[in-house]
C-alpha atoms as a PDB file:
ATOM      1  CA  MET A   1     130.734 -31.014 115.422  1.00  0.00           C
ATOM      2  CA  LYS A   2     128.977 -31.385 112.063  1.00  0.00           C
ATOM      3  CA  TRP A   3     126.594 -28.550 112.997  1.00  0.00           C
ATOM      4  CA  ALA A   4     129.444 -26.267 113.980  1.00  0.00           C
ATOM      5  CA  ILE A   5     131.052 -26.716 110.555  1.00  0.00           C
ATOM      6  CA  ILE A   6     127.735 -26.082 108.772  1.00  0.00           C
ATOM      7  CA  ILE A   7     127.113 -22.932 110.818  1.00  0.00           C
ATOM      8  CA  LEU A   8     130.668 -21.709 110.173  1.00  0.00           C
ATOM      9  CA  VAL A   9     130.308 -22.245 106.403  1.00  0.00           C
ATOM     10  CA  MET A  10     126.923 -20.469 106.378  1.00  0.00           C
ATOM     11  CA  MET A  11     128.305 -17.515 108.336  1.00  0.00           C
ATOM     12  CA  SER A  12     131.215 -17.314 105.916  1.00  0.00           C
ATOM     13  CA  LEU A  13     128.847 -17.243 102.928  1.00  0.00           C
ATOM     14  CA  VAL A  14     126.571 -14.622 104.493  1.00  0.00           C
ATOM     15  CA  GLY A  15     129.600 -12.525 105.468  1.00  0.00           C
ATOM     16  CA  SER A  16     130.958 -12.671 101.918  1.00  0.00           C
ATOM     17  CA  MET A  17     127.606 -11.601 100.496  1.00  0.00           C
ATOM     18  CA  MET A  18     127.367  -8.690 102.930  1.00  0.00           C
ATOM     19  CA  TRP A  19     130.897  -7.595 102.061  1.00  0.00           C
ATOM     20  CA  VAL A  20     130.034  -7.423  98.351  1.00  0.00           C
ATOM     21  CA  MET A  21     126.787  -5.468  98.835  1.00  0.00           C
ATOM     22  CA  PRO A  22     127.082  -1.689  98.472  1.00  0.00           C
ATOM     23  CA  SER A  23     126.911   0.449 101.585  1.00  0.00           C
ATOM     24  CA  LYS A  24     124.216   3.061 102.188  1.00  0.00           C
ATOM     25  CA  ARG A  25     126.636   5.806 101.090  1.00  0.00           C
ATOM     26  CA  GLN A  26     127.559   3.932  97.902  1.00  0.00           C
ATOM     27  CA  ARG A  27     123.887   3.471  97.029  1.00  0.00           C
ATOM     28  CA  PHE A  28     123.288   7.202  97.608  1.00  0.00           C
ATOM     29  CA  GLN A  29     126.251   8.119  95.385  1.00  0.00           C
ATOM     30  CA  ALA A  30     124.995   5.847  92.608  1.00  0.00           C
ATOM     31  CA  GLN A  31     121.511   7.364  92.836  1.00  0.00           C
ATOM     32  CA  LEU A  32     122.957  10.896  92.889  1.00  0.00           C
ATOM     33  CA  ARG A  33     125.219  10.304  89.893  1.00  0.00           C
ATOM     34  CA  GLN A  34     122.427   8.688  87.900  1.00  0.00           C
ATOM     35  CA  LEU A  35     120.152  11.672  88.618  1.00  0.00           C
ATOM     36  CA  ALA A  36     122.978  14.053  87.675  1.00  0.00           C
ATOM     37  CA  MET A  37     123.477  12.367  84.317  1.00  0.00           C
ATOM     38  CA  GLN A  38     119.735  12.606  83.649  1.00  0.00           C
ATOM     39  CA  LYS A  39     119.970  16.355  84.340  1.00  0.00           C
ATOM     40  CA  GLY A  40     122.785  16.788  81.795  1.00  0.00           C
ATOM     41  CA  PHE A  41     125.842  16.636  84.051  1.00  0.00           C
ATOM     42  CA  ASN A  42     129.026  14.816  83.120  1.00  0.00           C
ATOM     43  CA  VAL A  43     130.138  13.106  86.333  1.00  0.00           C
ATOM     44  CA  GLN A  44     133.720  11.954  86.790  1.00  0.00           C
ATOM     45  CA  VAL A  45     136.218  11.380  89.527  1.00  0.00           C
ATOM     46  CA  ALA A  46     139.153  13.656  88.800  1.00  0.00           C
ATOM     47  CA  GLN A  47     142.377  14.567  90.503  1.00  0.00           C
ATOM     48  CA  ILE A  48     142.313  18.004  92.055  1.00  0.00           C
ATOM     49  CA  LYS A  49     145.512  19.956  92.726  1.00  0.00           C
ATOM     50  CA  PRO A  50     144.758  23.051  94.787  1.00  0.00           C
ATOM     51  CA  PRO A  51     147.514  25.591  95.420  1.00  0.00           C
ATOM     52  CA  ARG A  52     149.501  25.250  98.612  1.00  0.00           C
ATOM     53  CA  ALA A  53     147.455  26.354 101.598  1.00  0.00           C
ATOM     54  CA  THR A  54     148.868  28.870 104.043  1.00  0.00           C
ATOM     55  CA  GLY A  55     151.460  27.069 106.167  1.00  0.00           C
ATOM     56  CA  GLN A  56     151.596  24.030 103.895  1.00  0.00           C
ATOM     57  CA  VAL A  57     155.030  22.892 102.741  1.00  0.00           C
ATOM     58  CA  GLU A  58     153.995  20.775  99.750  1.00  0.00           C
ATOM     59  CA  GLN A  59     151.039  20.979  97.397  1.00  0.00           C
ATOM     60  CA  GLU A  60     148.589  18.173  98.075  1.00  0.00           C
ATOM     61  CA  SER A  61     146.400  16.505  95.498  1.00  0.00           C
ATOM     62  CA  PHE A  62     143.405  14.229  95.910  1.00  0.00           C
ATOM     63  CA  ASN A  63     140.616  12.663  93.898  1.00  0.00           C
ATOM     64  CA  SER A  64     137.161  14.192  93.998  1.00  0.00           C
ATOM     65  CA  PRO A  65     133.908  13.710  92.112  1.00  0.00           C
ATOM     66  CA  VAL A  66     133.376  16.569  89.669  1.00  0.00           C
ATOM     67  CA  TYR A  67     129.987  17.544  88.279  1.00  0.00           C
ATOM     68  CA  ARG A  68     130.363  19.348  84.955  1.00  0.00           C
ATOM     69  CA  LEU A  69     127.728  21.107  82.875  1.00  0.00           C
ATOM     70  CA  PRO A  70     128.722  21.568  79.224  1.00  0.00           C
ATOM     71  CA  ARG A  71     128.761  25.041  77.724  1.00  0.00           C
ATOM     72  CA  THR A  72     126.752  25.047  74.510  1.00  0.00           C
ATOM     73  CA  ASN A  73     126.230  28.803  74.242  1.00  0.00           C
ATOM     74  CA  ILE A  74     129.771  29.945  73.416  1.00  0.00           C
ATOM     75  CA  SER A  75     130.867  30.811  69.879  1.00  0.00           C
ATOM     76  CA  ARG A  76     134.303  30.062  68.448  1.00  0.00           C
ATOM     77  CA  GLN A  77     135.390  33.710  68.903  1.00  0.00           C
ATOM     78  CA  GLU A  78     134.237  33.692  72.521  1.00  0.00           C
ATOM     79  CA  ARG A  79     136.160  30.452  73.129  1.00  0.00           C
ATOM     80  CA  ASP A  80     139.391  32.085  71.933  1.00  0.00           C
ATOM     81  CA  SER A  81     139.089  34.961  74.409  1.00  0.00           C
ATOM     82  CA  PHE A  82     137.518  32.985  77.273  1.00  0.00           C
ATOM     83  CA  ILE A  83     139.079  33.480  80.713  1.00  0.00           C
ATOM     84  CA  HIS A  84     139.761  30.138  82.365  1.00  0.00           C
ATOM     85  CA  TRP A  85     139.484  30.248  86.154  1.00  0.00           C
ATOM     86  CA  GLN A  86     139.642  27.878  89.123  1.00  0.00           C
ATOM     87  CA  ILE A  87     138.834  28.532  92.755  1.00  0.00           C
ATOM     88  CA  TYR A  88     139.386  26.330  95.801  1.00  0.00           C
ATOM     89  CA  LYS A  89     137.964  26.201  99.293  1.00  0.00           C
ATOM     90  CA  GLN A  90     141.083  26.902 101.312  1.00  0.00           C
ATOM     91  CA  THR A  91     143.210  29.774 102.530  1.00  0.00           C
ATOM     92  CA  THR A  92     146.235  30.993 100.553  1.00  0.00           C
ATOM     93  CA  LEU A  93     147.699  34.326  99.577  1.00  0.00           C
ATOM     94  CA  ALA A  94     145.765  34.393  96.266  1.00  0.00           C
ATOM     95  CA  MET A  95     142.343  35.402  97.628  1.00  0.00           C
ATOM     96  CA  ASP A  96     141.835  38.753  95.892  1.00  0.00           C
ATOM     97  CA  GLY A  97     138.134  39.320  95.182  1.00  0.00           C
ATOM     98  CA  LEU A  98     136.901  36.051  96.708  1.00  0.00           C
ATOM     99  CA  PRO A  99     135.000  35.385  99.932  1.00  0.00           C
ATOM    100  CA  GLU A 100     137.000  34.382 102.985  1.00  0.00           C
ATOM    101  CA  GLY A 101     138.042  30.745 102.868  1.00  0.00           C
ATOM    102  CA  TRP A 102     138.298  30.605  99.054  1.00  0.00           C
ATOM    103  CA  CYS A 103     141.387  31.101  96.887  1.00  0.00           C
ATOM    104  CA  TRP A 104     142.390  31.249  93.248  1.00  0.00           C
ATOM    105  CA  GLY A 105     144.076  28.436  91.399  1.00  0.00           C
ATOM    106  CA  GLU A 106     143.881  30.295  88.078  1.00  0.00           C
ATOM    107  CA  GLY A 107     142.291  33.517  86.925  1.00  0.00           C
ATOM    108  CA  GLU A 108     143.080  35.876  89.781  1.00  0.00           C
ATOM    109  CA  ARG A 109     142.468  39.534  88.826  1.00  0.00           C
ATOM    110  CA  LYS A 110     141.103  38.552  85.408  1.00  0.00           C
ATOM    111  CA  LEU A 111     137.363  38.763  86.085  1.00  0.00           C
ATOM    112  CA  SER A 112     135.403  42.014  86.142  1.00  0.00           C
ATOM    113  CA  HIS A 113     133.753  43.394  89.265  1.00  0.00           C
ATOM    114  CA  SER A 114     130.291  42.244  88.134  1.00  0.00           C
ATOM    115  CA  GLN A 115     131.638  38.763  87.371  1.00  0.00           C
ATOM    116  CA  LEU A 116     133.175  38.599  90.839  1.00  0.00           C
ATOM    117  CA  GLU A 117     129.817  39.535  92.361  1.00  0.00           C
ATOM    118  CA  LYS A 118     128.165  36.681  90.448  1.00  0.00           C
ATOM    119  CA  LEU A 119     130.957  34.363  91.551  1.00  0.00           C
ATOM    120  CA  HIS A 120     130.271  35.358  95.173  1.00  0.00           C
ATOM    121  CA  ALA A 121     126.605  34.464  94.659  1.00  0.00           C
ATOM    122  CA  LEU A 122     127.612  31.130  93.115  1.00  0.00           C
ATOM    123  CA  ILE A 123     129.840  30.273  96.075  1.00  0.00           C
ATOM    124  CA  ALA A 124     127.155  31.304  98.570  1.00  0.00           C
ATOM    125  CA  SER A 125     124.580  29.054  96.904  1.00  0.00           C
ATOM    126  CA  MET A 126     126.770  25.935  96.898  1.00  0.00           C
ATOM    127  CA  PRO A 127     126.344  23.146  99.464  1.00  0.00           C
ATOM    128  CA  GLU A 128     128.927  22.852 102.227  1.00  0.00           C
ATOM    129  CA  GLY A 129     130.776  19.962 100.551  1.00  0.00           C
ATOM    130  CA  VAL A 130     131.861  21.880  97.435  1.00  0.00           C
ATOM    131  CA  VAL A 131     135.673  22.109  97.515  1.00  0.00           C
ATOM    132  CA  ALA A 132     136.454  23.672  94.120  1.00  0.00           C
ATOM    133  CA  ILE A 133     134.861  25.249  91.057  1.00  0.00           C
ATOM    134  CA  GLU A 134     136.419  25.510  87.599  1.00  0.00           C
ATOM    135  CA  SER A 135     135.365  27.245  84.422  1.00  0.00           C
ATOM    136  CA  ASP A 136     136.653  26.860  80.897  1.00  0.00           C
ATOM    137  CA  PRO A 137     135.093  27.298  77.439  1.00  0.00           C
ATOM    138  CA  VAL A 138     133.948  23.664  77.355  1.00  0.00           C
ATOM    139  CA  HIS A 139     132.228  23.311  80.729  1.00  0.00           C
ATOM    140  CA  LEU A 140     131.650  24.619  84.243  1.00  0.00           C
ATOM    141  CA  GLY A 141     132.625  22.110  86.921  1.00  0.00           C
ATOM    142  CA  VAL A 142     131.970  21.727  90.627  1.00  0.00           C
ATOM    143  CA  PHE A 143     134.125  19.435  92.760  1.00  0.00           C
ATOM    144  CA  TRP A 144     131.834  18.099  95.477  1.00  0.00           C
ATOM    145  CA  ASP A 145     132.131  15.486  98.242  1.00  0.00           C
ATOM    146  CA  GLU A 146     128.593  14.200  97.499  1.00  0.00           C
ATOM    147  CA  ARG A 147     127.416  14.478 101.070  1.00  0.00           C
ATOM    148  CA  GLY A 148     123.973  15.845 101.735  1.00  0.00           C
ATOM    149  CA  VAL A 149     120.677  15.214  99.992  1.00  0.00           C
ATOM    150  CA  LEU A 150     119.547  14.777  96.387  1.00  0.00           C
ATOM    151  CA  GLU A 151     118.080  18.304  96.396  1.00  0.00           C
ATOM    152  CA  ASP A 152     121.631  19.683  96.662  1.00  0.00           C
ATOM    153  CA  LEU A 153     122.079  18.672  93.032  1.00  0.00           C
ATOM    154  CA  ASP A 154     119.227  20.993  91.975  1.00  0.00           C
ATOM    155  CA  GLN A 155     120.809  23.782  94.017  1.00  0.00           C
ATOM    156  CA  ILE A 156     124.164  23.244  92.290  1.00  0.00           C
ATOM    157  CA  GLN A 157     122.585  23.064  88.827  1.00  0.00           C
ATOM    158  CA  ASP A 158     120.531  26.252  89.272  1.00  0.00           C
ATOM    159  CA  ALA A 159     123.579  28.209  90.452  1.00  0.00           C
ATOM    160  CA  MET A 160     125.772  26.859  87.651  1.00  0.00           C
ATOM    161  CA  LYS A 161     123.243  27.737  84.952  1.00  0.00           C
ATOM    162  CA  LEU A 162     123.396  31.398  85.978  1.00  0.00           C
ATOM    163  CA  ILE A 163     127.162  31.440  85.398  1.00  0.00           C
ATOM    164  CA  ILE A 164     126.868  29.537  82.104  1.00  0.00           C
ATOM    165  CA  VAL A 165     124.360  32.102  80.814  1.00  0.00           C
ATOM    166  CA  GLU A 166     126.793  34.893  81.751  1.00  0.00           C
ATOM    167  CA  LYS A 167     129.562  33.163  79.751  1.00  0.00           C
ATOM    168  CA  PHE A 168     132.427  33.450  82.200  1.00  0.00           C
END
């Protein structure tokens, strides 16, 4: 009986320690976010509110990690006339100028044809888990589910830098 109690206590302690230890996915996320911060990203978990999808009664919102690169190449005058835009990976009526499966949250019909072409290239170069992209005069942000490999971060950064250089 004494041994049964000792074994039960030991199993309880080991179980508690295993419960506290991070999972493989949590360790990957920590490594990914640390690498992102070293590369100049601001990483946060933010609430995302996409427009209502086709057939959806109410607008849904959820939390998602967002990887933002700051814009340091925009003057004060450019900030005043900057066109803020947001796009989401879902189907709605506001899809003018975007690839199939993407819709506008803000900025529909405000970008030029050449900017839309660059936006198409940005979307095409993003990993599968990217659910939204936003642009404002302060930063360019990518909402991403953080699934994949560490190299996806380089892919995201390279694509984002092209848009930051173009200042839209």
